[in-house]
Amino acid sequence: MSPDRAWKATERAVAAALGGERVPVTGRHRGDAPDVAHPTLAIEVKHRREVPAWLLDALAQAEASARGDRLPVVIIHRHGGRRADDLAVLRLHDLAALVAGEEGGVPE
């Protein structure tokens, strides 16, 4: 798959997983519309060859410590930044389950 088609396919898959619709890039400028139109989320999708190892490690640590129905989430705080602006990272299948209001999530 060409790199151009790969990111488009990723956007389509995310849209399907979350019950949204991919917004084509044509005629769109930064901030005009999200990558995925959704009734309650503004979804921006980034397709990269690699995800930082430290981030994957942090998520693995959260997953290892999750017991029962606990949701593994990584909170990223920038030194000196406002806590309200921290980032939350979780797996797509967990976000899909939250959005759908159910357990389970996105098929592999």
Protein backbone atom coordinates (compact mmCIF):
# COMPACT_ATOMS: atom_id res chain seq x y z
CA MET A 1 0.00 0.00 0.00
CA SER A 2 1.38 3.42 -0.88
CA PRO A 3 2.10 5.81 2.00
CA ASP A 4 -0.72 8.08 0.79
CA ARG A 5 -3.22 5.24 0.85
CA ALA A 6 -1.97 3.96 4.22
CA TRP A 7 -2.89 7.09 6.18
CA LYS A 8 -6.24 7.34 4.42
CA ALA A 9 -6.96 3.71 5.30
CA THR A 10 -6.01 4.43 8.91
CA GLU A 11 -8.42 7.38 9.02
CA ARG A 12 -11.20 5.21 7.56
CA ALA A 13 -10.54 2.45 10.11
CA VAL A 14 -10.58 4.90 13.03
CA ALA A 15 -13.81 6.44 11.72
CA ALA A 16 -15.43 3.02 11.47
CA ALA A 17 -14.24 2.00 14.94
CA LEU A 18 -15.68 5.10 16.56
CA GLY A 19 -18.87 5.46 14.54
CA GLY A 20 -17.70 8.49 12.57
CA GLU A 21 -16.96 9.35 8.96
CA ARG A 22 -13.64 10.24 7.36
CA VAL A 23 -13.50 13.85 6.16
CA PRO A 24 -11.64 14.15 2.83
CA VAL A 25 -8.67 16.52 2.79
CA THR A 26 -9.75 18.27 -0.42
CA GLY A 27 -10.24 21.98 0.16
CA ARG A 28 -9.69 21.65 3.90
CA HIS A 29 -7.25 23.84 5.86
CA ARG A 30 -5.68 23.14 9.25
CA GLY A 31 -8.35 23.58 11.89
CA ASP A 32 -11.29 23.69 9.45
CA ALA A 33 -12.48 20.18 10.25
CA PRO A 34 -11.17 17.10 12.02
CA ASP A 35 -9.95 14.02 10.13
CA VAL A 36 -13.03 12.15 11.31
CA ALA A 37 -16.48 13.68 11.68
CA HIS A 38 -18.14 12.42 14.85
CA PRO A 39 -21.10 13.67 16.91
CA THR A 40 -19.10 14.11 20.16
CA LEU A 41 -15.37 13.88 19.30
CA ALA A 42 -13.01 16.00 17.19
CA ILE A 43 -10.70 13.24 15.92
CA GLU A 44 -7.27 13.95 14.46
CA VAL A 45 -5.47 10.83 13.20
CA LYS A 46 -1.69 10.54 12.91
CA HIS A 47 -0.21 7.62 10.98
CA ARG A 48 3.48 7.06 11.77
CA ARG A 49 6.03 4.32 11.10
CA GLU A 50 7.02 4.27 14.77
CA VAL A 51 5.47 5.20 18.08
CA PRO A 52 7.98 6.29 20.73
CA ALA A 53 9.20 3.27 22.71
CA TRP A 54 8.80 5.12 26.03
CA LEU A 55 5.11 5.67 25.26
CA LEU A 56 4.52 2.03 24.38
CA ASP A 57 6.37 1.04 27.56
CA ALA A 58 4.22 3.37 29.66
CA LEU A 59 1.05 1.88 28.15
CA ALA A 60 2.34 -1.65 28.75
CA GLN A 61 2.95 -0.69 32.38
CA ALA A 62 -0.61 0.66 32.70
CA GLU A 63 -1.99 -2.52 31.09
CA ALA A 64 0.05 -4.77 33.38
CA SER A 65 -1.32 -3.03 36.46
CA ALA A 66 -4.96 -2.89 35.27
CA ARG A 67 -7.09 -5.27 37.32
CA GLY A 68 -10.65 -6.33 36.61
CA ASP A 69 -12.44 -3.83 34.43
CA ARG A 70 -9.92 -1.01 35.02
CA LEU A 71 -9.06 0.99 31.92
CA PRO A 72 -5.32 1.36 31.19
CA VAL A 73 -4.50 5.00 30.47
CA VAL A 74 -1.22 6.92 30.28
CA ILE A 75 -1.26 10.57 31.35
CA ILE A 76 1.49 12.72 29.84
CA HIS A 77 2.32 15.90 31.69
CA ARG A 78 4.66 18.59 30.33
CA HIS A 79 6.91 20.01 33.03
CA GLY A 80 5.62 23.44 33.92
CA GLY A 81 2.38 22.87 32.03
CA ARG A 82 -1.15 23.08 33.38
CA ARG A 83 -2.47 19.74 34.62
CA ALA A 84 -5.73 20.39 32.78
CA ASP A 85 -3.72 20.34 29.53
CA ASP A 86 -2.15 16.91 30.17
CA LEU A 87 -2.61 14.31 27.46
CA ALA A 88 -4.39 10.99 27.95
CA VAL A 89 -3.33 8.00 25.85
CA LEU A 90 -5.36 4.82 25.59
CA ARG A 91 -5.88 2.08 23.04
CA LEU A 92 -8.42 2.64 20.27
CA HIS A 93 -10.48 -0.40 21.27
CA ASP A 94 -10.82 1.03 24.78
CA LEU A 95 -11.87 4.44 23.46
CA ALA A 96 -14.39 2.78 21.12
CA ALA A 97 -15.86 0.89 24.06
CA LEU A 98 -16.12 4.13 26.07
CA VAL A 99 -17.80 5.93 23.18
CA ALA A 100 -20.21 3.03 22.67
CA GLY A 101 -20.82 2.82 26.41
CA GLU A 102 -19.93 -0.85 26.55
CA GLU A 103 -17.19 -3.37 27.26
CA GLY A 104 -15.18 -4.74 24.37
CA GLY A 105 -14.17 -2.62 21.45
CA VAL A 106 -12.59 -2.71 18.04
CA PRO A 107 -11.71 -5.97 16.33
CA GLU A 108 -8.02 -6.36 15.49
